[in-house]
Amino acid sequence: MKKSNSVSHIRPLSNNRGSKETGKNSKSKRVSTSDLLIPKRHLKSLQRKILKFGSLKKFLHFLLLTNRSKFRSLCIIPKNEKTIYQSINQDLVRFSFRPDSADWAELRVLARYYGLSICNLFVILLEIGEEGSSSSGSPPFLPYKAKSLDSKRNEMTLIQRILPGRRYISFSLFLRGNLSRKFASDS
């Protein structure tokens, strides 16, 4: 039987939706802004959505909420570890906003899992809302086959979960095979 080690970490996420507090201890705003780069061809559609929902922050929350059931079949899991960014020469427009920590963490975890940049994943979600499929003609939600986790001798798995209630994010690192012995001897 292979030896396995795990390390877990839980970090609280601020849920500042609807908060009216202000001041030094307030969680009503994130400390810094986040940026999304959107292709110019989606500019009018995104601006309409922002007007409809009142802010980009609320629209992001809506996109995550309405597409959450589709995330299990989103894209094909990449074969390499490189992040896939948006295509070049798209005349990208920057949108700065302060998303809820839970929404931004969920978007970041999903993007990392599928090997996409955060901006690229947001644009895919935006395209789903516009047309039901990407503008390239191929649907952005494709079925995939999960590989067996036991197929490798040495394995390191990072699991990031947003816990129920979306107030905490959990990080777990699992080491199997020779990796677990190496990390145990280093500590």
N, C-alpha and C. Protein backbone atom coordinates (compact mmCIF):
# COMPACT_ATOMS: atom_id res chain seq x y z
N MET A 1 0.84 -1.19 0.00
CA MET A 1 0.00 0.00 0.00
C MET A 1 0.88 1.25 0.00
N LYS A 2 0.54 2.20 -0.80
CA LYS A 2 1.32 3.43 -0.90
C LYS A 2 1.03 4.35 0.27
N LYS A 3 2.08 5.00 0.72
CA LYS A 3 1.94 5.95 1.82
C LYS A 3 1.37 7.26 1.28
N SER A 4 0.52 7.90 2.05
CA SER A 4 -0.11 9.14 1.61
C SER A 4 -0.11 10.15 2.75
N ASN A 5 0.22 11.39 2.45
CA ASN A 5 0.18 12.49 3.41
C ASN A 5 -0.77 13.54 2.89
N SER A 6 -1.35 14.30 3.80
CA SER A 6 -2.19 15.40 3.35
C SER A 6 -2.03 16.58 4.28
N VAL A 7 -2.19 17.76 3.71
CA VAL A 7 -2.14 19.01 4.45
C VAL A 7 -3.37 19.80 4.05
N SER A 8 -4.07 20.36 5.01
CA SER A 8 -5.28 21.12 4.70
C SER A 8 -5.19 22.52 5.29
N HIS A 9 -5.85 23.44 4.64
CA HIS A 9 -5.88 24.84 5.07
C HIS A 9 -7.25 25.40 4.73
N ILE A 10 -7.84 26.13 5.66
CA ILE A 10 -9.13 26.77 5.40
C ILE A 10 -8.97 28.26 5.61
N ARG A 11 -9.44 29.05 4.65
CA ARG A 11 -9.36 30.51 4.73
C ARG A 11 -10.76 31.08 4.64
N PRO A 12 -11.10 32.01 5.53
CA PRO A 12 -12.44 32.61 5.46
C PRO A 12 -12.57 33.54 4.26
N LEU A 13 -13.74 33.53 3.66
CA LEU A 13 -14.06 34.43 2.56
C LEU A 13 -15.07 35.44 3.06
N SER A 14 -14.83 36.71 2.75
CA SER A 14 -15.81 37.71 3.18
C SER A 14 -16.99 37.67 2.23
N ASN A 15 -18.16 37.71 2.80
CA ASN A 15 -19.38 37.77 1.99
C ASN A 15 -19.95 39.16 2.20
N ASN A 16 -19.58 40.07 1.31
CA ASN A 16 -19.94 41.47 1.51
C ASN A 16 -21.17 41.88 0.72
N ARG A 17 -21.92 40.92 0.21
CA ARG A 17 -23.11 41.25 -0.55
C ARG A 17 -24.14 41.90 0.36
N GLY A 18 -24.56 43.09 0.05
CA GLY A 18 -25.59 43.77 0.81
C GLY A 18 -25.10 44.45 2.08
N SER A 19 -23.80 44.46 2.33
CA SER A 19 -23.28 45.08 3.54
C SER A 19 -23.25 46.59 3.39
N LYS A 20 -23.68 47.29 4.43
CA LYS A 20 -23.72 48.75 4.40
C LYS A 20 -22.67 49.36 5.32
N GLU A 21 -21.84 48.52 5.96
CA GLU A 21 -20.85 49.03 6.90
C GLU A 21 -19.77 49.82 6.17
N THR A 22 -19.24 50.81 6.86
CA THR A 22 -18.10 51.54 6.34
C THR A 22 -17.11 51.71 7.46
N GLY A 23 -15.88 52.00 7.11
CA GLY A 23 -14.88 52.22 8.14
C GLY A 23 -13.75 51.22 8.05
N LYS A 24 -12.85 51.31 9.03
CA LYS A 24 -11.62 50.53 9.03
C LYS A 24 -11.88 49.01 9.08
N ASN A 25 -12.84 48.56 9.87
CA ASN A 25 -13.10 47.14 10.04
C ASN A 25 -14.19 46.61 9.10
N SER A 26 -14.61 47.41 8.16
CA SER A 26 -15.69 47.04 7.26
C SER A 26 -15.21 46.02 6.23
N LYS A 27 -16.11 45.12 5.86
CA LYS A 27 -15.83 44.17 4.79
C LYS A 27 -16.69 44.49 3.58
N SER A 28 -17.18 45.72 3.49
CA SER A 28 -18.09 46.07 2.41
C SER A 28 -17.38 46.20 1.07
N LYS A 29 -16.06 46.39 1.08
CA LYS A 29 -15.31 46.47 -0.16
C LYS A 29 -14.05 45.63 -0.05
N ARG A 30 -13.64 45.07 -1.16
CA ARG A 30 -12.36 44.38 -1.19
C ARG A 30 -11.27 45.44 -1.13
N VAL A 31 -10.10 45.06 -0.66
CA VAL A 31 -9.00 46.00 -0.52
C VAL A 31 -8.56 46.52 -1.88
N SER A 32 -8.49 45.64 -2.85
CA SER A 32 -8.04 46.08 -4.18
C SER A 32 -9.06 45.67 -5.23
N THR A 33 -8.94 46.31 -6.37
CA THR A 33 -9.85 45.98 -7.46
C THR A 33 -9.33 44.77 -8.23
N SER A 34 -10.21 44.14 -8.95
CA SER A 34 -9.86 43.05 -9.85
C SER A 34 -10.17 43.53 -11.26
N ASP A 35 -9.46 42.99 -12.22
CA ASP A 35 -9.64 43.39 -13.61
C ASP A 35 -10.05 42.19 -14.45
N LEU A 36 -10.95 42.43 -15.38
CA LEU A 36 -11.30 41.46 -16.40
C LEU A 36 -11.04 42.10 -17.75
N LEU A 37 -10.36 41.38 -18.63
CA LEU A 37 -10.10 41.85 -19.98
C LEU A 37 -11.10 41.18 -20.92
N ILE A 38 -11.93 42.00 -21.54
CA ILE A 38 -13.03 41.51 -22.37
C ILE A 38 -12.79 41.92 -23.82
N PRO A 39 -12.93 40.98 -24.78
CA PRO A 39 -12.79 41.35 -26.19
C PRO A 39 -13.83 42.40 -26.59
N LYS A 40 -13.42 43.30 -27.45
CA LYS A 40 -14.27 44.41 -27.87
C LYS A 40 -15.60 43.93 -28.47
N ARG A 41 -15.59 42.76 -29.10
CA ARG A 41 -16.82 42.25 -29.73
C ARG A 41 -17.91 41.94 -28.69
N HIS A 42 -17.54 41.78 -27.41
CA HIS A 42 -18.51 41.51 -26.35
C HIS A 42 -18.85 42.76 -25.54
N LEU A 43 -18.29 43.89 -25.92
CA LEU A 43 -18.43 45.12 -25.13
C LEU A 43 -19.89 45.54 -24.95
N LYS A 44 -20.64 45.63 -26.04
CA LYS A 44 -22.04 46.09 -25.95
C LYS A 44 -22.89 45.13 -25.12
N SER A 45 -22.69 43.85 -25.34
CA SER A 45 -23.45 42.85 -24.60
C SER A 45 -23.15 42.93 -23.10
N LEU A 46 -21.87 43.06 -22.75
CA LEU A 46 -21.50 43.15 -21.34
C LEU A 46 -22.04 44.43 -20.71
N GLN A 47 -21.97 45.53 -21.44
CA GLN A 47 -22.50 46.79 -20.90
C GLN A 47 -24.01 46.71 -20.65
N ARG A 48 -24.73 46.01 -21.54
CA ARG A 48 -26.17 45.80 -21.33
C ARG A 48 -26.42 44.98 -20.07
N LYS A 49 -25.60 43.94 -19.88
CA LYS A 49 -25.75 43.09 -18.69
C LYS A 49 -25.44 43.87 -17.42
N ILE A 50 -24.42 44.71 -17.46
CA ILE A 50 -24.07 45.52 -16.28
C ILE A 50 -25.21 46.47 -15.94
N LEU A 51 -25.82 47.08 -16.96
CA LEU A 51 -26.98 47.95 -16.72
C LEU A 51 -28.15 47.16 -16.14
N LYS A 52 -28.39 45.98 -16.68
CA LYS A 52 -29.50 45.15 -16.22
C LYS A 52 -29.33 44.71 -14.76
N PHE A 53 -28.11 44.30 -14.39
CA PHE A 53 -27.87 43.78 -13.04
C PHE A 53 -27.41 44.85 -12.05
N GLY A 54 -27.04 46.01 -12.55
CA GLY A 54 -26.63 47.10 -11.67
C GLY A 54 -25.14 47.22 -11.48
N SER A 55 -24.39 46.14 -11.69
CA SER A 55 -22.94 46.20 -11.57
C SER A 55 -22.33 44.92 -12.14
N LEU A 56 -21.04 44.99 -12.46
CA LEU A 56 -20.33 43.81 -12.94
C LEU A 56 -20.23 42.77 -11.82
N LYS A 57 -20.10 43.23 -10.59
CA LYS A 57 -20.04 42.35 -9.42
C LYS A 57 -21.29 41.47 -9.35
N LYS A 58 -22.46 42.06 -9.51
CA LYS A 58 -23.72 41.31 -9.45
C LYS A 58 -23.88 40.39 -10.66
N PHE A 59 -23.40 40.85 -11.82
CA PHE A 59 -23.50 40.02 -13.02
C PHE A 59 -22.59 38.79 -12.90
N LEU A 60 -21.38 38.96 -12.35
CA LEU A 60 -20.49 37.82 -12.14
C LEU A 60 -21.15 36.80 -11.21
N HIS A 61 -21.76 37.28 -10.14
CA HIS A 61 -22.45 36.37 -9.22
C HIS A 61 -23.55 35.60 -9.95
N PHE A 62 -24.32 36.30 -10.79
CA PHE A 62 -25.39 35.66 -11.57
C PHE A 62 -24.82 34.60 -12.51
N LEU A 63 -23.72 34.91 -13.22
CA LEU A 63 -23.11 33.95 -14.15
C LEU A 63 -22.68 32.68 -13.42
N LEU A 64 -22.03 32.85 -12.28
CA LEU A 64 -21.58 31.68 -11.52
C LEU A 64 -22.77 30.87 -11.02
N LEU A 65 -23.77 31.54 -10.54
CA LEU A 65 -24.95 30.87 -9.99
C LEU A 65 -25.70 30.09 -11.06
N THR A 66 -25.92 30.69 -12.21
CA THR A 66 -26.72 30.05 -13.26
C THR A 66 -25.96 28.97 -14.02
N ASN A 67 -24.64 29.02 -14.02
CA ASN A 67 -23.86 28.03 -14.77
C ASN A 67 -23.22 26.97 -13.88
N ARG A 68 -23.45 27.04 -12.58
CA ARG A 68 -22.80 26.12 -11.64
C ARG A 68 -23.09 24.66 -11.97
N SER A 69 -24.27 24.34 -12.43
CA SER A 69 -24.60 22.95 -12.74
C SER A 69 -23.85 22.44 -13.97
N LYS A 70 -23.33 23.34 -14.79
CA LYS A 70 -22.62 22.95 -16.01
C LYS A 70 -21.12 22.80 -15.80
N PHE A 71 -20.59 23.24 -14.65
CA PHE A 71 -19.15 23.27 -14.46
C PHE A 71 -18.50 21.90 -14.54
N ARG A 72 -19.22 20.84 -14.19
CA ARG A 72 -18.62 19.50 -14.23
C ARG A 72 -18.27 19.09 -15.66
N SER A 73 -18.97 19.65 -16.64
CA SER A 73 -18.69 19.28 -18.03
C SER A 73 -18.06 20.43 -18.81
N LEU A 74 -17.55 21.43 -18.13
CA LEU A 74 -16.95 22.59 -18.80
C LEU A 74 -15.60 22.21 -19.39
N CYS A 75 -15.48 22.34 -20.68
CA CYS A 75 -14.21 22.15 -21.39
C CYS A 75 -13.60 20.77 -21.14
N ILE A 76 -12.59 20.49 -21.91
CA ILE A 76 -11.82 19.26 -21.76
C ILE A 76 -10.66 19.59 -20.82
N ILE A 77 -10.38 18.68 -19.90
CA ILE A 77 -9.26 18.91 -18.99
C ILE A 77 -7.99 18.96 -19.82
N PRO A 78 -7.16 20.01 -19.65
CA PRO A 78 -5.97 20.15 -20.49
C PRO A 78 -4.94 19.05 -20.22
N LYS A 79 -4.21 18.69 -21.28
CA LYS A 79 -3.19 17.65 -21.16
C LYS A 79 -1.89 18.21 -20.59
N ASN A 80 -1.64 19.49 -20.78
CA ASN A 80 -0.42 20.08 -20.22
C ASN A 80 -0.79 21.05 -19.11
N GLU A 81 0.22 21.55 -18.44
CA GLU A 81 -0.01 22.41 -17.28
C GLU A 81 -0.02 23.90 -17.62
N LYS A 82 -0.01 24.25 -18.88
CA LYS A 82 0.01 25.66 -19.26
C LYS A 82 -1.39 26.25 -19.20
N THR A 83 -1.45 27.50 -18.78
CA THR A 83 -2.72 28.22 -18.74
C THR A 83 -3.07 28.71 -20.14
N ILE A 84 -4.31 28.53 -20.53
CA ILE A 84 -4.77 28.98 -21.84
C ILE A 84 -5.36 30.38 -21.70
N TYR A 85 -4.74 31.32 -22.38
CA TYR A 85 -5.19 32.71 -22.34
C TYR A 85 -6.05 33.00 -23.56
N GLN A 86 -6.65 34.17 -23.60
CA GLN A 86 -7.46 34.57 -24.74
C GLN A 86 -6.54 34.78 -25.96
N SER A 87 -7.12 34.63 -27.13
CA SER A 87 -6.36 34.85 -28.36
C SER A 87 -5.88 36.29 -28.44
N ILE A 88 -4.76 36.47 -29.11
CA ILE A 88 -4.21 37.82 -29.26
C ILE A 88 -4.99 38.60 -30.32
N ASN A 89 -4.75 39.88 -30.39
CA ASN A 89 -5.37 40.78 -31.37
C ASN A 89 -6.90 40.82 -31.27
N GLN A 90 -7.43 40.89 -30.05
CA GLN A 90 -8.88 40.96 -29.88
C GLN A 90 -9.34 42.33 -29.40
N ASP A 91 -8.44 43.30 -29.31
CA ASP A 91 -8.79 44.62 -28.79
C ASP A 91 -9.48 44.47 -27.43
N LEU A 92 -8.72 44.02 -26.45
CA LEU A 92 -9.27 43.77 -25.12
C LEU A 92 -9.53 45.07 -24.37
N VAL A 93 -10.66 45.11 -23.67
CA VAL A 93 -11.06 46.27 -22.88
C VAL A 93 -11.04 45.86 -21.41
N ARG A 94 -10.42 46.69 -20.57
CA ARG A 94 -10.29 46.39 -19.15
C ARG A 94 -11.52 46.87 -18.38
N PHE A 95 -12.07 45.97 -17.56
CA PHE A 95 -13.15 46.30 -16.65
C PHE A 95 -12.62 46.08 -15.23
N SER A 96 -12.51 47.15 -14.45
CA SER A 96 -12.08 47.05 -13.06
C SER A 96 -13.31 47.07 -12.16
N PHE A 97 -13.31 46.20 -11.16
CA PHE A 97 -14.43 46.14 -10.22
C PHE A 97 -13.98 45.44 -8.95
N ARG A 98 -14.83 45.46 -7.94
CA ARG A 98 -14.55 44.80 -6.67
C ARG A 98 -15.55 43.65 -6.47
N PRO A 99 -15.20 42.44 -6.94
CA PRO A 99 -16.13 41.32 -6.79
C PRO A 99 -16.17 40.82 -5.35
N ASP A 100 -17.22 40.09 -5.02
CA ASP A 100 -17.26 39.42 -3.72
C ASP A 100 -16.11 38.42 -3.67
N SER A 101 -15.51 38.28 -2.51
CA SER A 101 -14.38 37.35 -2.36
C SER A 101 -14.77 35.93 -2.75
N ALA A 102 -15.96 35.50 -2.36
CA ALA A 102 -16.40 34.13 -2.66
C ALA A 102 -16.56 33.93 -4.17
N ASP A 103 -17.12 34.92 -4.86
CA ASP A 103 -17.29 34.81 -6.31
C ASP A 103 -15.94 34.77 -7.01
N TRP A 104 -15.02 35.64 -6.60
CA TRP A 104 -13.70 35.70 -7.24
C TRP A 104 -12.94 34.41 -6.97
N ALA A 105 -13.03 33.88 -5.75
CA ALA A 105 -12.35 32.63 -5.42
C ALA A 105 -12.91 31.48 -6.25
N GLU A 106 -14.23 31.43 -6.41
CA GLU A 106 -14.85 30.38 -7.21
C GLU A 106 -14.41 30.47 -8.66
N LEU A 107 -14.40 31.67 -9.22
CA LEU A 107 -13.96 31.87 -10.60
C LEU A 107 -12.50 31.46 -10.77
N ARG A 108 -11.66 31.84 -9.80
CA ARG A 108 -10.23 31.52 -9.85
C ARG A 108 -10.01 30.01 -9.76
N VAL A 109 -10.71 29.33 -8.86
CA VAL A 109 -10.56 27.88 -8.70
C VAL A 109 -11.00 27.17 -9.97
N LEU A 110 -12.13 27.57 -10.54
CA LEU A 110 -12.61 26.95 -11.78
C LEU A 110 -11.63 27.18 -12.92
N ALA A 111 -11.14 28.40 -13.05
CA ALA A 111 -10.19 28.71 -14.12
C ALA A 111 -8.92 27.87 -13.97
N ARG A 112 -8.42 27.77 -12.76
CA ARG A 112 -7.20 26.98 -12.53
C ARG A 112 -7.45 25.52 -12.85
N TYR A 113 -8.60 24.99 -12.45
CA TYR A 113 -8.92 23.59 -12.69
C TYR A 113 -8.95 23.27 -14.19
N TYR A 114 -9.55 24.15 -14.97
CA TYR A 114 -9.67 23.90 -16.41
C TYR A 114 -8.48 24.41 -17.21
N GLY A 115 -7.48 24.98 -16.54
CA GLY A 115 -6.29 25.44 -17.24
C GLY A 115 -6.53 26.69 -18.06
N LEU A 116 -7.48 27.52 -17.63
CA LEU A 116 -7.82 28.75 -18.34
C LEU A 116 -7.44 29.95 -17.47
N SER A 117 -7.22 31.08 -18.13
CA SER A 117 -7.06 32.31 -17.36
C SER A 117 -8.43 32.71 -16.84
N ILE A 118 -8.45 33.51 -15.79
CA ILE A 118 -9.72 33.97 -15.22
C ILE A 118 -10.51 34.75 -16.27
N CYS A 119 -9.83 35.61 -17.01
CA CYS A 119 -10.52 36.40 -18.05
C CYS A 119 -11.11 35.51 -19.13
N ASN A 120 -10.35 34.50 -19.54
CA ASN A 120 -10.82 33.58 -20.58
C ASN A 120 -12.06 32.83 -20.10
N LEU A 121 -12.06 32.35 -18.86
CA LEU A 121 -13.23 31.66 -18.34
C LEU A 121 -14.43 32.60 -18.26
N PHE A 122 -14.23 33.84 -17.82
CA PHE A 122 -15.33 34.79 -17.75
C PHE A 122 -15.93 35.02 -19.13
N VAL A 123 -15.08 35.16 -20.15
CA VAL A 123 -15.58 35.38 -21.51
C VAL A 123 -16.37 34.16 -21.99
N ILE A 124 -15.92 32.95 -21.65
CA ILE A 124 -16.67 31.74 -22.02
C ILE A 124 -18.04 31.77 -21.36
N LEU A 125 -18.10 32.13 -20.08
CA LEU A 125 -19.39 32.23 -19.39
C LEU A 125 -20.27 33.30 -20.01
N LEU A 126 -19.66 34.40 -20.42
CA LEU A 126 -20.40 35.48 -21.08
C LEU A 126 -20.97 35.00 -22.41
N GLU A 127 -20.16 34.26 -23.18
CA GLU A 127 -20.62 33.73 -24.47
C GLU A 127 -21.76 32.73 -24.29
N ILE A 128 -21.70 31.94 -23.24
CA ILE A 128 -22.79 30.99 -22.97
C ILE A 128 -24.08 31.76 -22.74
N GLY A 129 -23.98 32.83 -21.99
CA GLY A 129 -25.16 33.66 -21.74
C GLY A 129 -25.69 34.33 -22.99
N GLU A 130 -24.80 34.67 -23.92
CA GLU A 130 -25.20 35.35 -25.15
C GLU A 130 -25.81 34.39 -26.16
N GLU A 131 -25.14 33.26 -26.39
CA GLU A 131 -25.52 32.40 -27.51
C GLU A 131 -25.81 30.96 -27.14
N GLY A 132 -25.35 30.53 -25.98
CA GLY A 132 -25.46 29.12 -25.64
C GLY A 132 -24.26 28.32 -26.11
N SER A 133 -23.41 28.94 -26.93
CA SER A 133 -22.15 28.31 -27.34
C SER A 133 -21.18 29.41 -27.71
N SER A 134 -19.92 29.05 -27.83
CA SER A 134 -18.91 30.06 -28.14
C SER A 134 -19.03 30.53 -29.57
N SER A 135 -18.48 31.70 -29.85
CA SER A 135 -18.57 32.27 -31.19
C SER A 135 -17.75 31.50 -32.21
N SER A 136 -16.87 30.61 -31.76
CA SER A 136 -16.06 29.84 -32.69
C SER A 136 -16.86 28.69 -33.30
N GLY A 137 -18.09 28.47 -32.82
CA GLY A 137 -18.92 27.41 -33.36
C GLY A 137 -18.87 26.14 -32.54
N SER A 138 -17.80 25.94 -31.77
CA SER A 138 -17.73 24.75 -30.93
C SER A 138 -18.25 25.08 -29.54
N PRO A 139 -19.05 24.20 -28.97
CA PRO A 139 -19.60 24.51 -27.66
C PRO A 139 -18.51 24.54 -26.60
N PRO A 140 -18.54 25.54 -25.71
CA PRO A 140 -17.51 25.61 -24.68
C PRO A 140 -17.67 24.53 -23.62
N PHE A 141 -18.86 23.92 -23.49
CA PHE A 141 -19.06 22.87 -22.52
C PHE A 141 -18.95 21.53 -23.24
N LEU A 142 -17.87 20.84 -23.02
CA LEU A 142 -17.63 19.57 -23.68
C LEU A 142 -17.50 18.48 -22.63
N PRO A 143 -17.99 17.27 -22.93
CA PRO A 143 -17.82 16.19 -21.97
C PRO A 143 -16.35 15.77 -21.88
N TYR A 144 -15.96 15.28 -20.75
CA TYR A 144 -14.60 14.80 -20.59
C TYR A 144 -14.63 13.54 -19.76
N LYS A 145 -13.55 12.78 -19.85
CA LYS A 145 -13.42 11.58 -19.04
C LYS A 145 -12.38 11.86 -17.98
N ALA A 146 -12.76 11.73 -16.74
CA ALA A 146 -11.81 11.93 -15.66
C ALA A 146 -10.86 10.74 -15.62
N LYS A 147 -9.58 11.03 -15.48
CA LYS A 147 -8.59 9.97 -15.38
C LYS A 147 -8.58 9.44 -13.96
N SER A 148 -8.25 8.19 -13.84
CA SER A 148 -8.16 7.58 -12.52
C SER A 148 -7.01 8.20 -11.74
N LEU A 149 -7.27 8.54 -10.49
CA LEU A 149 -6.23 9.14 -9.66
C LEU A 149 -5.17 8.13 -9.27
N ASP A 150 -5.47 6.84 -9.39
CA ASP A 150 -4.51 5.81 -9.00
C ASP A 150 -3.58 5.41 -10.14
N SER A 151 -3.65 6.06 -11.28
CA SER A 151 -2.88 5.64 -12.44
C SER A 151 -1.42 6.08 -12.39
N LYS A 152 -1.05 6.91 -11.44
CA LYS A 152 0.32 7.39 -11.37
C LYS A 152 0.99 6.87 -10.10
N ARG A 153 2.29 6.63 -10.18
CA ARG A 153 3.02 6.16 -9.01
C ARG A 153 3.25 7.30 -8.02
N ASN A 154 3.68 8.43 -8.52
CA ASN A 154 3.91 9.60 -7.68
C ASN A 154 2.87 10.64 -8.04
N GLU A 155 2.20 11.11 -7.04
CA GLU A 155 1.11 12.02 -7.34
C GLU A 155 1.01 13.11 -6.28
N MET A 156 0.77 14.31 -6.75
CA MET A 156 0.48 15.43 -5.87
C MET A 156 -0.83 16.03 -6.35
N THR A 157 -1.81 16.10 -5.49
CA THR A 157 -3.12 16.61 -5.85
C THR A 157 -3.48 17.77 -4.96
N LEU A 158 -3.85 18.89 -5.56
CA LEU A 158 -4.33 20.05 -4.82
C LEU A 158 -5.83 20.13 -5.02
N ILE A 159 -6.57 20.11 -3.93
CA ILE A 159 -8.02 20.22 -4.00
C ILE A 159 -8.42 21.52 -3.33
N GLN A 160 -9.13 22.34 -4.07
CA GLN A 160 -9.64 23.60 -3.53
C GLN A 160 -11.16 23.51 -3.57
N ARG A 161 -11.79 23.71 -2.42
CA ARG A 161 -13.25 23.64 -2.36
C ARG A 161 -13.79 24.89 -1.71
N ILE A 162 -14.87 25.36 -2.24
CA ILE A 162 -15.59 26.43 -1.58
C ILE A 162 -16.66 25.73 -0.75
N LEU A 163 -16.57 25.89 0.57
CA LEU A 163 -17.42 25.16 1.50
C LEU A 163 -18.85 25.69 1.46
N PRO A 164 -19.81 24.87 1.89
CA PRO A 164 -21.22 25.30 1.89
C PRO A 164 -21.40 26.66 2.56
N GLY A 165 -22.26 27.45 1.99
CA GLY A 165 -22.49 28.80 2.49
C GLY A 165 -21.53 29.80 1.88
N ARG A 166 -20.52 29.32 1.15
CA ARG A 166 -19.55 30.16 0.43
C ARG A 166 -18.87 31.15 1.36
N ARG A 167 -18.59 30.73 2.60
CA ARG A 167 -17.92 31.62 3.55
C ARG A 167 -16.46 31.24 3.72
N TYR A 168 -16.08 30.02 3.32
CA TYR A 168 -14.71 29.56 3.49
C TYR A 168 -14.25 28.85 2.23
N ILE A 169 -12.94 28.90 1.99
CA ILE A 169 -12.34 28.12 0.91
C ILE A 169 -11.35 27.17 1.56
N SER A 170 -11.39 25.92 1.16
CA SER A 170 -10.55 24.89 1.75
C SER A 170 -9.50 24.46 0.73
N PHE A 171 -8.25 24.37 1.15
CA PHE A 171 -7.16 23.90 0.31
C PHE A 171 -6.63 22.61 0.92
N SER A 172 -6.56 21.54 0.16
CA SER A 172 -6.00 20.28 0.64
C SER A 172 -4.96 19.81 -0.35
N LEU A 173 -3.80 19.40 0.15
CA LEU A 173 -2.72 18.89 -0.68
C LEU A 173 -2.51 17.44 -0.30
N PHE A 174 -2.63 16.54 -1.27
CA PHE A 174 -2.46 15.11 -1.04
C PHE A 174 -1.22 14.65 -1.79
N LEU A 175 -0.36 13.92 -1.10
CA LEU A 175 0.88 13.41 -1.68
C LEU A 175 0.84 11.89 -1.61
N ARG A 176 1.20 11.22 -2.72
CA ARG A 176 1.20 9.76 -2.76
C ARG A 176 2.51 9.27 -3.32
N GLY A 177 2.88 8.08 -2.96
CA GLY A 177 4.08 7.45 -3.49
C GLY A 177 5.34 8.04 -2.90
N ASN A 178 6.38 8.14 -3.72
CA ASN A 178 7.67 8.65 -3.26
C ASN A 178 7.61 10.11 -2.85
N LEU A 179 6.68 10.87 -3.41
CA LEU A 179 6.56 12.29 -3.06
C LEU A 179 6.24 12.46 -1.58
N SER A 180 5.36 11.61 -1.03
CA SER A 180 4.99 11.76 0.37
C SER A 180 6.18 11.50 1.28
N ARG A 181 7.05 10.55 0.90
CA ARG A 181 8.24 10.29 1.72
C ARG A 181 9.22 11.45 1.62
N LYS A 182 9.37 12.05 0.42
CA LYS A 182 10.30 13.17 0.26
C LYS A 182 9.85 14.36 1.08
N PHE A 183 8.55 14.72 1.02
CA PHE A 183 8.06 15.86 1.78
C PHE A 183 8.12 15.60 3.28
N ALA A 184 7.88 14.37 3.70
CA ALA A 184 7.94 14.04 5.12
C ALA A 184 9.37 14.18 5.63
N SER A 185 10.37 13.82 4.80
CA SER A 185 11.76 13.94 5.24
C SER A 185 12.25 15.38 5.20
N ASP A 186 11.63 16.25 4.36
CA ASP A 186 12.03 17.65 4.29
C ASP A 186 11.50 18.47 5.46
N SER A 187 10.43 18.01 6.08
CA SER A 187 9.83 18.82 7.15
C SER A 187 10.42 18.54 8.51
